[in-house]
Structures are given as C-alpha cells and as structure tokens.
C-alpha cells in the first residue's frame, strides 16, 4: 500500500461481497494475487476477512457485529458494577480514610 493512500473501512456487506467476488475470480482460474488486486485489497486483508467472515451470509455478519457491540456494552456495565461493589465492601469493612474537611481557617 502506498504511504499516502487513505485507509477505507469496509462495511460487513462490502466485505462479504468482495470475498464472493474473490471466490468467483479464483474459481475462474485467476491466481490469488490477481484476484485480491481486482477486489482492491491486500492478500493479508483478504485472508483476515476470510478467517473472520468466511462462509457467513450478510445477515449473519450484521447479527455478529450487533452482538459484539452488545457484549462490549455489557462488559463495561459488569466492570462498573464490580468496581462499585469493591468500593462498597471496602467502606463496609471500615478500610477507608475520611478526607479532612476543610473548615474556616483558624486565626493564629
């Protein structure tokens, strides 16, 4: 990839379409380097996509992505609740130090 080429994020639907196009081209006897050049991605990207999306249909990929987003949200929620629980259990055991309350300055 040339240094000044902009990176493009492909949508799952585009990835599936490009993988299908790659399958058709290689099925027609083109070499893998020729096929991936035709679909305008690198061989590495094509192999990574194939390992992640290989054999999936577009609706399955959409569902997978939605589940990944939901999983990340739930992990954050569990993390926050776990931290809250640890703080409360420390406070219940009395293992906390109260911060000094700043009152009016006393004259000397």
Protein backbone atom coordinates (compact mmCIF):
# COMPACT_ATOMS: atom_id res chain seq x y z
CA UNK A 1 0.00 0.00 0.00
CA UNK A 2 1.36 3.39 -0.90
CA UNK A 3 2.09 5.65 2.09
CA UNK A 4 -0.36 8.36 1.04
CA UNK A 5 -3.30 6.05 0.30
CA UNK A 6 -6.23 6.61 2.61
CA UNK A 7 -7.46 3.62 4.58
CA UNK A 8 -11.03 2.59 3.96
CA UNK A 9 -13.21 0.86 6.50
CA UNK A 10 -15.33 -1.68 4.70
CA UNK A 11 -18.80 -2.48 5.92
CA UNK A 12 -19.57 -6.14 6.58
CA UNK A 13 -21.81 -6.26 3.50
CA UNK A 14 -18.95 -4.95 1.34
CA UNK A 15 -16.55 -7.50 2.83
CA UNK A 16 -18.90 -10.39 2.08
CA UNK A 17 -19.39 -9.11 -1.50
CA UNK A 18 -15.63 -8.78 -2.03
CA UNK A 19 -14.99 -12.25 -0.61
CA UNK A 20 -17.62 -13.68 -3.00
CA UNK A 21 -16.03 -11.82 -5.90
CA UNK A 22 -12.63 -13.22 -4.86
CA UNK A 23 -14.10 -16.74 -4.82
CA UNK A 24 -15.51 -16.26 -8.32
CA UNK A 25 -12.22 -14.92 -9.67
CA UNK A 26 -10.13 -17.71 -8.16
CA UNK A 27 -12.72 -20.21 -9.39
CA UNK A 28 -12.18 -18.86 -12.89
CA UNK A 29 -8.52 -19.73 -12.61
CA UNK A 30 -7.03 -16.42 -11.52
CA UNK A 31 -4.21 -16.51 -9.02
CA UNK A 32 -4.82 -15.24 -5.51
CA UNK A 33 -2.60 -12.14 -6.01
CA UNK A 34 -4.51 -11.24 -9.20
CA UNK A 35 -7.89 -11.82 -7.54
CA UNK A 36 -7.16 -9.68 -4.48
CA UNK A 37 -5.74 -6.93 -6.68
CA UNK A 38 -9.01 -6.95 -8.66
CA UNK A 39 -11.09 -6.52 -5.48
CA UNK A 40 -8.66 -3.76 -4.35
CA UNK A 41 -7.42 -5.20 -1.05
CA UNK A 42 -4.17 -6.80 0.07
CA UNK A 43 -3.69 -10.53 0.40
CA UNK A 44 -3.32 -10.11 4.16
CA UNK A 45 -6.64 -8.29 4.38
CA UNK A 46 -8.35 -10.92 2.26
CA UNK A 47 -7.05 -13.78 4.43
CA UNK A 48 -8.00 -11.91 7.62
CA UNK A 49 -11.50 -11.28 6.30
CA UNK A 50 -11.83 -14.91 5.22
CA UNK A 51 -10.86 -16.13 8.70
CA UNK A 52 -13.37 -13.77 10.32
CA UNK A 53 -16.25 -13.86 7.83
CA UNK A 54 -15.62 -16.99 5.77
CA UNK A 55 -18.85 -18.81 4.95
CA UNK A 56 -21.12 -16.23 6.55
CA UNK A 57 -24.06 -14.55 4.91
CA UNK A 58 -24.66 -10.81 5.16
CA UNK A 59 -27.43 -11.11 7.77
CA UNK A 60 -25.22 -13.34 9.92
CA UNK A 61 -22.41 -10.77 9.81
CA UNK A 62 -24.80 -7.97 10.80
CA UNK A 63 -26.02 -10.08 13.74
CA UNK A 64 -22.42 -10.88 14.75
CA UNK A 65 -21.48 -7.20 14.78
CA UNK A 66 -24.59 -6.29 16.79
CA UNK A 67 -23.74 -9.00 19.34
CA UNK A 68 -20.15 -7.76 19.59
CA UNK A 69 -21.38 -4.22 20.35
CA UNK A 70 -23.84 -5.54 22.94
CA UNK A 71 -21.14 -7.72 24.50
CA UNK A 72 -18.80 -4.72 24.85
CA UNK A 73 -21.60 -2.69 26.49
CA UNK A 74 -22.35 -5.49 28.95
CA UNK A 75 -18.66 -5.95 29.79
CA UNK A 76 -18.40 -2.24 30.65
CA UNK A 77 -21.52 -2.48 32.82
CA UNK A 78 -20.16 -5.51 34.70
CA UNK A 79 -16.82 -3.77 35.15
CA UNK A 80 -18.50 -0.67 36.58
CA UNK A 81 -20.68 -2.73 38.92
CA UNK A 82 -17.70 -4.79 40.09
CA UNK A 83 -15.79 -1.62 40.91
CA UNK A 84 -18.80 -0.22 42.79
CA UNK A 85 -19.08 -3.46 44.77
CA UNK A 86 -15.40 -3.37 45.72
CA UNK A 87 -15.66 0.23 46.88
CA UNK A 88 -18.76 -0.53 48.95
CA UNK A 89 -17.23 -3.64 50.53
CA UNK A 90 -14.12 -1.66 51.50
CA UNK A 91 -16.31 1.04 53.02
CA UNK A 92 -18.38 -1.56 54.93
CA UNK A 93 -15.23 -3.04 56.48
CA UNK A 94 -14.09 0.37 57.59
CA UNK A 95 -10.99 0.29 55.44
CA UNK A 96 -11.34 3.79 54.22
CA UNK A 97 -9.92 7.05 55.41
CA UNK A 98 -12.13 10.04 55.60
CA UNK A 99 -10.72 13.06 53.90
CA UNK A 100 -10.18 16.01 56.22
CA UNK A 101 -12.96 18.51 55.89
CA UNK A 102 -11.70 21.96 55.09
CA UNK A 103 -13.22 24.34 57.57
CA UNK A 104 -12.69 28.03 58.22
CA UNK A 105 -9.09 28.98 58.74
CA UNK A 106 -8.29 29.40 62.41
CA UNK A 107 -6.58 32.63 63.41
CA UNK A 108 -3.17 32.21 64.98
